[in-house]
C-alpha atoms as a PDB file:
ATOM      1  CA  MET A   1     278.624 108.279 -30.806  1.00  0.00           C
ATOM      2  CA  LYS A   2     281.807 108.822 -28.822  1.00  0.00           C
ATOM      3  CA  PRO A   3     281.956 111.720 -26.323  1.00  0.00           C
ATOM      4  CA  ILE A   4     284.665 113.465 -28.381  1.00  0.00           C
ATOM      5  CA  ASN A   5     282.446 113.378 -31.482  1.00  0.00           C
ATOM      6  CA  ARG A   6     279.495 114.760 -29.528  1.00  0.00           C
ATOM      7  CA  ILE A   7     281.596 117.673 -28.299  1.00  0.00           C
ATOM      8  CA  SER A   8     282.893 118.334 -31.813  1.00  0.00           C
ATOM      9  CA  ALA A   9     279.362 118.220 -33.187  1.00  0.00           C
ATOM     10  CA  LEU A  10     278.201 120.619 -30.458  1.00  0.00           C
ATOM     11  CA  PHE A  11     280.963 123.112 -31.277  1.00  0.00           C
ATOM     12  CA  LEU A  12     280.158 122.888 -34.984  1.00  0.00           C
ATOM     13  CA  MET A  13     276.480 123.537 -34.297  1.00  0.00           C
ATOM     14  CA  ILE A  14     277.303 126.548 -32.119  1.00  0.00           C
ATOM     15  CA  ALA A  15     279.647 127.938 -34.783  1.00  0.00           C
ATOM     16  CA  PHE A  16     277.034 127.448 -37.480  1.00  0.00           C
ATOM     17  CA  MET A  17     274.268 129.036 -35.420  1.00  0.00           C
ATOM     18  CA  SER A  18     276.385 132.083 -34.571  1.00  0.00           C
ATOM     19  CA  ALA A  19     277.284 132.568 -38.239  1.00  0.00           C
ATOM     20  CA  CYS A  20     273.613 132.418 -39.202  1.00  0.00           C
ATOM     21  CA  GLY A  21     272.421 134.897 -36.591  1.00  0.00           C
ATOM     22  CA  PRO A  22     270.144 137.823 -37.348  1.00  0.00           C
ATOM     23  CA  GLN A  23     271.652 140.300 -39.784  1.00  0.00           C
ATOM     24  CA  GLU A  24     271.214 144.051 -39.465  1.00  0.00           C
ATOM     25  CA  ALA A  25     269.754 145.809 -42.467  1.00  0.00           C
ATOM     26  CA  LYS A  26     272.255 148.239 -44.010  1.00  0.00           C
ATOM     27  CA  HIS A  27     270.733 151.695 -44.389  1.00  0.00           C
ATOM     28  CA  PRO A  28     272.059 154.206 -46.918  1.00  0.00           C
ATOM     29  CA  PRO A  29     274.395 156.734 -45.297  1.00  0.00           C
ATOM     30  CA  ASP A  30     273.099 160.092 -44.108  1.00  0.00           C
ATOM     31  CA  GLU A  31     274.430 162.782 -46.424  1.00  0.00           C
ATOM     32  CA  MET A  32     275.957 165.776 -44.684  1.00  0.00           C
ATOM     33  CA  THR A  33     277.468 168.887 -46.242  1.00  0.00           C
ATOM     34  CA  VAL A  34     279.590 171.235 -44.145  1.00  0.00           C
ATOM     35  CA  GLN A  35     280.093 174.703 -45.589  1.00  0.00           C
ATOM     36  CA  LEU A  36     283.434 175.883 -44.257  1.00  0.00           C
ATOM     37  CA  LYS A  37     283.706 179.531 -43.325  1.00  0.00           C
ATOM     38  CA  TRP A  38     286.856 179.826 -45.406  1.00  0.00           C
ATOM     39  CA  ILE A  39     289.015 177.857 -47.840  1.00  0.00           C
ATOM     40  CA  HIS A  40     290.371 174.423 -46.926  1.00  0.00           C
ATOM     41  CA  GLN A  41     293.137 175.027 -44.395  1.00  0.00           C
ATOM     42  CA  ALA A  42     294.689 173.797 -41.147  1.00  0.00           C
ATOM     43  CA  GLN A  43     291.926 175.045 -38.859  1.00  0.00           C
ATOM     44  CA  PHE A  44     289.688 172.276 -40.215  1.00  0.00           C
ATOM     45  CA  THR A  45     292.279 169.522 -39.706  1.00  0.00           C
ATOM     46  CA  GLY A  46     290.172 167.691 -37.121  1.00  0.00           C
ATOM     47  CA  CYS A  47     287.331 167.306 -39.616  1.00  0.00           C
ATOM     48  CA  TYR A  48     289.679 166.078 -42.355  1.00  0.00           C
ATOM     49  CA  VAL A  49     291.432 163.597 -40.068  1.00  0.00           C
ATOM     50  CA  ALA A  50     288.091 162.235 -38.833  1.00  0.00           C
ATOM     51  CA  GLU A  51     287.011 161.718 -42.446  1.00  0.00           C
ATOM     52  CA  LYS A  52     290.332 160.090 -43.409  1.00  0.00           C
ATOM     53  CA  LYS A  53     290.169 157.708 -40.417  1.00  0.00           C
ATOM     54  CA  GLY A  54     286.627 156.693 -41.386  1.00  0.00           C
ATOM     55  CA  LEU A  55     284.947 158.055 -38.264  1.00  0.00           C
ATOM     56  CA  TYR A  56     282.077 159.562 -40.247  1.00  0.00           C
ATOM     57  CA  ALA A  57     281.667 156.404 -42.323  1.00  0.00           C
ATOM     58  CA  GLY A  58     281.658 154.380 -39.087  1.00  0.00           C
ATOM     59  CA  GLU A  59     278.596 156.371 -38.037  1.00  0.00           C
ATOM     60  CA  ASN A  60     277.043 155.884 -41.507  1.00  0.00           C
ATOM     61  CA  ILE A  61     277.591 159.513 -42.558  1.00  0.00           C
ATOM     62  CA  ASP A  62     278.623 160.542 -46.062  1.00  0.00           C
ATOM     63  CA  ILE A  63     280.240 163.947 -45.492  1.00  0.00           C
ATOM     64  CA  THR A  64     281.255 166.655 -47.943  1.00  0.00           C
ATOM     65  CA  PHE A  65     283.269 169.754 -47.063  1.00  0.00           C
ATOM     66  CA  ASN A  66     282.656 172.814 -49.236  1.00  0.00           C
ATOM     67  CA  ALA A  67     285.220 175.602 -49.200  1.00  0.00           C
ATOM     68  CA  GLY A  68     283.987 178.997 -48.139  1.00  0.00           C
ATOM     69  CA  GLY A  69     285.115 182.474 -49.012  1.00  0.00           C
ATOM     70  CA  PRO A  70     284.384 186.137 -48.370  1.00  0.00           C
ATOM     71  CA  LYS A  71     280.875 185.930 -49.902  1.00  0.00           C
ATOM     72  CA  VAL A  72     279.828 182.542 -48.482  1.00  0.00           C
ATOM     73  CA  THR A  73     277.692 182.177 -45.379  1.00  0.00           C
ATOM     74  CA  PRO A  74     278.863 179.249 -43.194  1.00  0.00           C
ATOM     75  CA  ALA A  75     276.179 176.616 -42.712  1.00  0.00           C
ATOM     76  CA  ILE A  76     275.737 172.940 -41.931  1.00  0.00           C
ATOM     77  CA  LYS A  77     273.191 171.080 -44.044  1.00  0.00           C
ATOM     78  CA  VAL A  78     272.008 167.564 -43.298  1.00  0.00           C
ATOM     79  CA  ALA A  79     269.978 165.920 -46.059  1.00  0.00           C
ATOM     80  CA  GLY A  80     266.301 166.297 -45.316  1.00  0.00           C
ATOM     81  CA  HIS A  81     266.857 168.535 -42.301  1.00  0.00           C
ATOM     82  CA  GLY A  82     267.544 171.947 -43.873  1.00  0.00           C
ATOM     83  CA  ARG A  83     270.069 174.392 -42.468  1.00  0.00           C
ATOM     84  CA  LEU A  84     271.328 174.119 -38.913  1.00  0.00           C
END
C-alpha cells in the first residue's frame, strides 16, 4: 500500500469512528408551567423572547405561559415538583 493510501485510509477510519461514537439518550422534556401575575403583556417579554429563540428547548424544557388576572394567584409549577 502506498503512503498516500495509508493516510487516506487512516482519515477514513477516524471519520467513521467519530461518526459512530457513543450517542446520548434523548430524555423527554421537563414540562414547566408559569402562571403570569397578569395578562400577556410587555413585562414578560424576556420570557417570550427566550421561548421564541429556543432557549428553553435548548435546556430540554417544554414551557407554557398561562395568563393571570385579578383572581389568579401567581405560581410556578414544574411537573412532578408541585408549586414553587
